[in-house]
PDB file of N, CA and C in Angstrom:
ATOM      1  N   UNK A   1      46.661  34.425  73.600  1.00  0.00           N
ATOM      2  CA  UNK A   1      46.208  34.533  72.193  1.00  0.00           C
ATOM      3  C   UNK A   1      45.754  32.996  72.055  1.00  0.00           C
ATOM      4  N   UNK A   2      44.401  33.093  71.589  1.00  0.00           N
ATOM      5  CA  UNK A   2      44.121  31.594  71.361  1.00  0.00           C
ATOM      6  C   UNK A   2      44.474  31.160  70.270  1.00  0.00           C
ATOM      7  N   UNK A   3      44.916  29.827  70.092  1.00  0.00           N
ATOM      8  CA  UNK A   3      45.703  29.110  69.072  1.00  0.00           C
ATOM      9  C   UNK A   3      45.449  27.731  69.093  1.00  0.00           C
ATOM     10  N   UNK A   4      46.539  26.804  69.005  1.00  0.00           N
ATOM     11  CA  UNK A   4      45.747  25.602  69.221  1.00  0.00           C
ATOM     12  C   UNK A   4      46.652  24.716  70.405  1.00  0.00           C
ATOM     13  N   UNK A   5      46.061  24.158  70.903  1.00  0.00           N
ATOM     14  CA  UNK A   5      45.922  23.218  72.296  1.00  0.00           C
ATOM     15  C   UNK A   5      47.998  22.114  71.856  1.00  0.00           C
ATOM     16  N   UNK A   6      48.515  22.420  72.861  1.00  0.00           N
ATOM     17  CA  UNK A   6      49.942  21.701  72.921  1.00  0.00           C
ATOM     18  C   UNK A   6      49.667  19.849  73.029  1.00  0.00           C
ATOM     19  N   UNK A   7      48.507  19.694  73.738  1.00  0.00           N
ATOM     20  CA  UNK A   7      48.378  17.905  73.950  1.00  0.00           C
ATOM     21  C   UNK A   7      47.704  17.680  72.561  1.00  0.00           C
ATOM     22  N   UNK A   8      46.767  17.895  72.378  1.00  0.00           N
ATOM     23  CA  UNK A   8      45.940  17.475  70.963  1.00  0.00           C
ATOM     24  C   UNK A   8      45.583  18.176  69.816  1.00  0.00           C
ATOM     25  N   UNK A   9      45.919  19.358  69.644  1.00  0.00           N
ATOM     26  CA  UNK A   9      45.918  20.430  68.565  1.00  0.00           C
ATOM     27  C   UNK A   9      45.043  20.878  68.046  1.00  0.00           C
ATOM     28  N   UNK A  10      43.740  20.512  68.941  1.00  0.00           N
ATOM     29  CA  UNK A  10      42.456  21.440  68.783  1.00  0.00           C
ATOM     30  C   UNK A  10      42.808  22.754  69.065  1.00  0.00           C
ATOM     31  N   UNK A  11      41.614  23.672  68.487  1.00  0.00           N
ATOM     32  CA  UNK A  11      41.620  25.127  68.875  1.00  0.00           C
ATOM     33  C   UNK A  11      41.245  25.389  70.180  1.00  0.00           C
ATOM     34  N   UNK A  12      41.975  26.378  70.532  1.00  0.00           N
ATOM     35  CA  UNK A  12      41.744  26.783  72.420  1.00  0.00           C
ATOM     36  C   UNK A  12      41.016  28.511  72.144  1.00  0.00           C
ATOM     37  N   UNK A  13      40.342  28.501  73.295  1.00  0.00           N
ATOM     38  CA  UNK A  13      39.762  29.443  73.371  1.00  0.00           C
ATOM     39  C   UNK A  13      40.230  30.651  74.823  1.00  0.00           C
ATOM     40  N   UNK A  14      40.011  31.739  74.716  1.00  0.00           N
ATOM     41  CA  UNK A  14      40.729  32.540  76.153  1.00  0.00           C
ATOM     42  C   UNK A  14      39.406  32.599  77.345  1.00  0.00           C
ATOM     43  N   UNK A  15      40.171  32.274  78.277  1.00  0.00           N
ATOM     44  CA  UNK A  15      39.242  32.129  79.535  1.00  0.00           C
ATOM     45  C   UNK A  15      40.418  32.359  80.969  1.00  0.00           C
ATOM     46  N   UNK A  16      39.304  32.306  81.927  1.00  0.00           N
ATOM     47  CA  UNK A  16      40.079  32.738  83.027  1.00  0.00           C
ATOM     48  C   UNK A  16      39.966  31.450  84.185  1.00  0.00           C
ATOM     49  N   UNK A  17      41.080  31.422  84.816  1.00  0.00           N
ATOM     50  CA  UNK A  17      40.961  30.513  85.856  1.00  0.00           C
ATOM     51  C   UNK A  17      41.595  30.667  87.015  1.00  0.00           C
ATOM     52  N   UNK A  18      41.455  29.796  87.853  1.00  0.00           N
ATOM     53  CA  UNK A  18      41.750  29.438  89.703  1.00  0.00           C
ATOM     54  C   UNK A  18      43.020  28.859  90.068  1.00  0.00           C
ATOM     55  N   UNK A  19      43.951  29.243  90.501  1.00  0.00           N
ATOM     56  CA  UNK A  19      44.896  28.073  91.199  1.00  0.00           C
ATOM     57  C   UNK A  19      44.728  28.158  92.917  1.00  0.00           C
ATOM     58  N   UNK A  20      44.728  27.186  93.285  1.00  0.00           N
ATOM     59  CA  UNK A  20      44.685  26.979  94.656  1.00  0.00           C
ATOM     60  C   UNK A  20      45.295  25.892  95.477  1.00  0.00           C
ATOM     61  N   UNK A  21      46.247  26.635  96.267  1.00  0.00           N
ATOM     62  CA  UNK A  21      47.289  26.009  96.936  1.00  0.00           C
ATOM     63  C   UNK A  21      47.184  25.938  98.620  1.00  0.00           C
ATOM     64  N   UNK A  22      47.853  25.057  99.267  1.00  0.00           N
ATOM     65  CA  UNK A  22      47.801  25.112 100.919  1.00  0.00           C
ATOM     66  C   UNK A  22      48.015  26.637 101.272  1.00  0.00           C
ATOM     67  N   UNK A  23      48.829  27.597 100.596  1.00  0.00           N
ATOM     68  CA  UNK A  23      49.223  28.828 101.065  1.00  0.00           C
ATOM     69  C   UNK A  23      48.135  29.879 100.530  1.00  0.00           C
ATOM     70  N   UNK A  24      47.923  29.657  99.212  1.00  0.00           N
ATOM     71  CA  UNK A  24      47.256  30.881  98.385  1.00  0.00           C
ATOM     72  C   UNK A  24      46.395  30.595  97.356  1.00  0.00           C
ATOM     73  N   UNK A  25      45.406  31.425  97.543  1.00  0.00           N
ATOM     74  CA  UNK A  25      44.179  31.201  96.209  1.00  0.00           C
ATOM     75  C   UNK A  25      44.307  32.292  95.516  1.00  0.00           C
ATOM     76  N   UNK A  26      44.753  32.148  93.951  1.00  0.00           N
ATOM     77  CA  UNK A  26      44.983  33.200  92.981  1.00  0.00           C
ATOM     78  C   UNK A  26      43.828  33.026  91.768  1.00  0.00           C
ATOM     79  N   UNK A  27      42.897  33.980  91.757  1.00  0.00           N
ATOM     80  CA  UNK A  27      41.940  33.870  90.830  1.00  0.00           C
ATOM     81  C   UNK A  27      41.675  34.946  89.901  1.00  0.00           C
ATOM     82  N   UNK A  28      41.222  34.785  88.963  1.00  0.00           N
ATOM     83  CA  UNK A  28      40.778  35.366  87.879  1.00  0.00           C
ATOM     84  C   UNK A  28      42.351  35.340  86.599  1.00  0.00           C
ATOM     85  N   UNK A  29      42.740  34.212  86.663  1.00  0.00           N
ATOM     86  CA  UNK A  29      44.099  34.326  85.595  1.00  0.00           C
ATOM     87  C   UNK A  29      43.499  33.844  84.566  1.00  0.00           C
ATOM     88  N   UNK A  30      44.342  34.961  83.511  1.00  0.00           N
ATOM     89  CA  UNK A  30      44.201  34.515  82.160  1.00  0.00           C
ATOM     90  C   UNK A  30      44.948  33.177  81.756  1.00  0.00           C
ATOM     91  N   UNK A  31      44.180  32.655  80.714  1.00  0.00           N
ATOM     92  CA  UNK A  31      44.644  31.554  80.013  1.00  0.00           C
ATOM     93  C   UNK A  31      43.873  30.961  78.604  1.00  0.00           C
ATOM     94  N   UNK A  32      44.550  30.093  78.057  1.00  0.00           N
ATOM     95  CA  UNK A  32      43.766  29.337  77.142  1.00  0.00           C
ATOM     96  C   UNK A  32      43.250  28.085  77.267  1.00  0.00           C
ATOM     97  N   UNK A  33      42.279  27.990  76.880  1.00  0.00           N
ATOM     98  CA  UNK A  33      41.283  26.577  77.286  1.00  0.00           C
ATOM     99  C   UNK A  33      41.348  25.663  75.773  1.00  0.00           C
ATOM    100  N   UNK A  34      41.500  24.187  75.454  1.00  0.00           N
ATOM    101  CA  UNK A  34      41.255  23.688  74.601  1.00  0.00           C
ATOM    102  C   UNK A  34      39.916  23.465  74.722  1.00  0.00           C
ATOM    103  N   UNK A  35      39.224  23.092  73.514  1.00  0.00           N
ATOM    104  CA  UNK A  35      37.786  23.129  73.196  1.00  0.00           C
ATOM    105  C   UNK A  35      37.508  21.516  73.259  1.00  0.00           C
ATOM    106  N   UNK A  36      38.477  20.880  72.867  1.00  0.00           N
ATOM    107  CA  UNK A  36      38.628  19.478  72.929  1.00  0.00           C
ATOM    108  C   UNK A  36      38.858  18.856  74.488  1.00  0.00           C
ATOM    109  N   UNK A  37      39.937  18.843  74.676  1.00  0.00           N
ATOM    110  CA  UNK A  37      40.565  18.271  75.832  1.00  0.00           C
ATOM    111  C   UNK A  37      40.106  18.913  77.265  1.00  0.00           C
ATOM    112  N   UNK A  38      40.109  20.580  77.352  1.00  0.00           N
ATOM    113  CA  UNK A  38      40.236  20.952  78.465  1.00  0.00           C
ATOM    114  C   UNK A  38      41.045  21.575  79.192  1.00  0.00           C
ATOM    115  N   UNK A  39      42.383  21.271  78.236  1.00  0.00           N
ATOM    116  CA  UNK A  39      44.046  21.399  79.186  1.00  0.00           C
ATOM    117  C   UNK A  39      43.773  23.030  79.106  1.00  0.00           C
ATOM    118  N   UNK A  40      43.995  23.334  80.214  1.00  0.00           N
ATOM    119  CA  UNK A  40      44.478  25.144  80.449  1.00  0.00           C
ATOM    120  C   UNK A  40      45.779  25.711  80.081  1.00  0.00           C
ATOM    121  N   UNK A  41      46.345  26.558  79.626  1.00  0.00           N
ATOM    122  CA  UNK A  41      47.527  27.032  79.493  1.00  0.00           C
ATOM    123  C   UNK A  41      47.730  28.368  79.732  1.00  0.00           C
ATOM    124  N   UNK A  42      48.851  28.748  80.953  1.00  0.00           N
ATOM    125  CA  UNK A  42      48.696  30.038  81.295  1.00  0.00           C
ATOM    126  C   UNK A  42      50.080  30.477  80.789  1.00  0.00           C
ATOM    127  N   UNK A  43      50.109  31.789  79.919  1.00  0.00           N
ATOM    128  CA  UNK A  43      50.718  32.269  79.503  1.00  0.00           C
ATOM    129  C   UNK A  43      52.021  32.742  80.449  1.00  0.00           C
ATOM    130  N   UNK A  44      53.433  32.986  80.064  1.00  0.00           N
ATOM    131  CA  UNK A  44      54.654  32.827  80.798  1.00  0.00           C
ATOM    132  C   UNK A  44      54.627  34.261  82.011  1.00  0.00           C
ATOM    133  N   UNK A  45      53.985  35.348  80.888  1.00  0.00           N
ATOM    134  CA  UNK A  45      54.072  36.377  81.867  1.00  0.00           C
ATOM    135  C   UNK A  45      53.684  36.328  83.122  1.00  0.00           C
ATOM    136  N   UNK A  46      52.053  35.548  83.102  1.00  0.00           N
ATOM    137  CA  UNK A  46      50.965  35.502  84.332  1.00  0.00           C
ATOM    138  C   UNK A  46      51.796  34.185  85.261  1.00  0.00           C
ATOM    139  N   UNK A  47      52.788  33.675  84.650  1.00  0.00           N
ATOM    140  CA  UNK A  47      53.219  32.258  85.343  1.00  0.00           C
ATOM    141  C   UNK A  47      54.471  32.573  86.192  1.00  0.00           C
ATOM    142  N   UNK A  48      55.009  33.807  85.728  1.00  0.00           N
ATOM    143  CA  UNK A  48      56.127  34.430  86.420  1.00  0.00           C
ATOM    144  C   UNK A  48      55.783  35.223  87.568  1.00  0.00           C
ATOM    145  N   UNK A  49      54.396  36.030  87.339  1.00  0.00           N
ATOM    146  CA  UNK A  49      53.625  36.755  88.554  1.00  0.00           C
ATOM    147  C   UNK A  49      53.310  35.873  89.422  1.00  0.00           C
ATOM    148  N   UNK A  50      52.999  34.586  89.170  1.00  0.00           N
ATOM    149  CA  UNK A  50      52.027  33.356  90.043  1.00  0.00           C
ATOM    150  C   UNK A  50      53.315  32.989  90.948  1.00  0.00           C
ATOM    151  N   UNK A  51      54.609  33.044  90.647  1.00  0.00           N
ATOM    152  CA  UNK A  51      55.527  32.146  90.825  1.00  0.00           C
ATOM    153  C   UNK A  51      56.038  32.853  92.089  1.00  0.00           C
ATOM    154  N   UNK A  52      55.885  34.352  91.602  1.00  0.00           N
ATOM    155  CA  UNK A  52      56.123  35.291  92.716  1.00  0.00           C
ATOM    156  C   UNK A  52      55.612  35.649  93.782  1.00  0.00           C
ATOM    157  N   UNK A  53      54.162  35.723  93.655  1.00  0.00           N
ATOM    158  CA  UNK A  53      52.933  35.780  94.877  1.00  0.00           C
ATOM    159  C   UNK A  53      53.402  34.192  95.448  1.00  0.00           C
ATOM    160  N   UNK A  54      53.538  32.920  94.946  1.00  0.00           N
ATOM    161  CA  UNK A  54      53.595  31.981  95.531  1.00  0.00           C
ATOM    162  C   UNK A  54      55.359  31.918  96.704  1.00  0.00           C
ATOM    163  N   UNK A  55      56.291  32.465  96.200  1.00  0.00           N
ATOM    164  CA  UNK A  55      57.468  32.522  96.559  1.00  0.00           C
ATOM    165  C   UNK A  55      57.052  33.764  97.989  1.00  0.00           C
ATOM    166  N   UNK A  56      56.430  34.856  97.698  1.00  0.00           N
ATOM    167  CA  UNK A  56      56.058  35.587  98.677  1.00  0.00           C
ATOM    168  C   UNK A  56      55.211  35.058 100.020  1.00  0.00           C
ATOM    169  N   UNK A  57      54.170  34.105  99.485  1.00  0.00           N
ATOM    170  CA  UNK A  57      53.305  33.599 100.600  1.00  0.00           C
ATOM    171  C   UNK A  57      54.211  32.834 101.258  1.00  0.00           C
ATOM    172  N   UNK A  58      55.181  31.971 100.578  1.00  0.00           N
ATOM    173  CA  UNK A  58      55.944  31.262 101.564  1.00  0.00           C
ATOM    174  C   UNK A  58      56.958  31.985 102.337  1.00  0.00           C
ATOM    175  N   UNK A  59      57.379  32.516 101.960  1.00  0.00           N
ATOM    176  CA  UNK A  59      58.083  33.402 102.928  1.00  0.00           C
ATOM    177  C   UNK A  59      57.334  34.196 103.864  1.00  0.00           C
ATOM    178  N   UNK A  60      55.938  34.517 104.056  1.00  0.00           N
ATOM    179  CA  UNK A  60      54.891  35.081 105.024  1.00  0.00           C
ATOM    180  C   UNK A  60      55.070  36.755 104.680  1.00  0.00           C
ATOM    181  N   UNK A  61      55.417  37.046 103.593  1.00  0.00           N
ATOM    182  CA  UNK A  61      55.455  38.221 103.048  1.00  0.00           C
ATOM    183  C   UNK A  61      54.247  39.151 102.726  1.00  0.00           C
ATOM    184  N   UNK A  62      53.653  38.008 102.057  1.00  0.00           N
ATOM    185  CA  UNK A  62      52.040  38.225 101.670  1.00  0.00           C
ATOM    186  C   UNK A  62      50.977  38.138 102.819  1.00  0.00           C
ATOM    187  N   UNK A  63      50.055  39.578 102.846  1.00  0.00           N
ATOM    188  CA  UNK A  63      49.252  39.740 103.682  1.00  0.00           C
ATOM    189  C   UNK A  63      47.412  38.932 103.276  1.00  0.00           C
ATOM    190  N   UNK A  64      47.430  38.390 102.313  1.00  0.00           N
ATOM    191  CA  UNK A  64      46.447  37.894 101.706  1.00  0.00           C
ATOM    192  C   UNK A  64      46.515  36.540 101.471  1.00  0.00           C
ATOM    193  N   UNK A  65      45.676  35.808 101.518  1.00  0.00           N
ATOM    194  CA  UNK A  65      45.436  34.288 100.969  1.00  0.00           C
ATOM    195  C   UNK A  65      44.681  34.154  99.671  1.00  0.00           C
ATOM    196  N   UNK A  66      44.260  35.373  99.215  1.00  0.00           N
ATOM    197  CA  UNK A  66      43.203  35.177  97.898  1.00  0.00           C
ATOM    198  C   UNK A  66      43.829  36.421  97.108  1.00  0.00           C
ATOM    199  N   UNK A  67      44.223  36.056  95.936  1.00  0.00           N
ATOM    200  CA  UNK A  67      44.716  37.485  95.128  1.00  0.00           C
ATOM    201  C   UNK A  67      43.617  37.197  93.840  1.00  0.00           C
ATOM    202  N   UNK A  68      43.511  38.204  93.148  1.00  0.00           N
ATOM    203  CA  UNK A  68      42.668  38.473  92.246  1.00  0.00           C
ATOM    204  C   UNK A  68      43.368  39.122  91.132  1.00  0.00           C
ATOM    205  N   UNK A  69      43.603  38.493  89.923  1.00  0.00           N
ATOM    206  CA  UNK A  69      44.505  39.036  89.241  1.00  0.00           C
ATOM    207  C   UNK A  69      43.872  40.241  88.290  1.00  0.00           C
TER     208      UNK A  69
END
């Protein structure tokens, strides 16, 4: 949900972002973005999903290098 930025206190808006690591690229991740400083924040629910994907990629059990949420 849009709200206030944890860094500067300005309003945020809903958006989508991409995370790229050496092992994996995760696209279309829901997030909020600050209108002033541009800080992106990913909700805990999606962060847990990202963490699980990264764990699977590190173990070699993920069969793709690009994941779209």
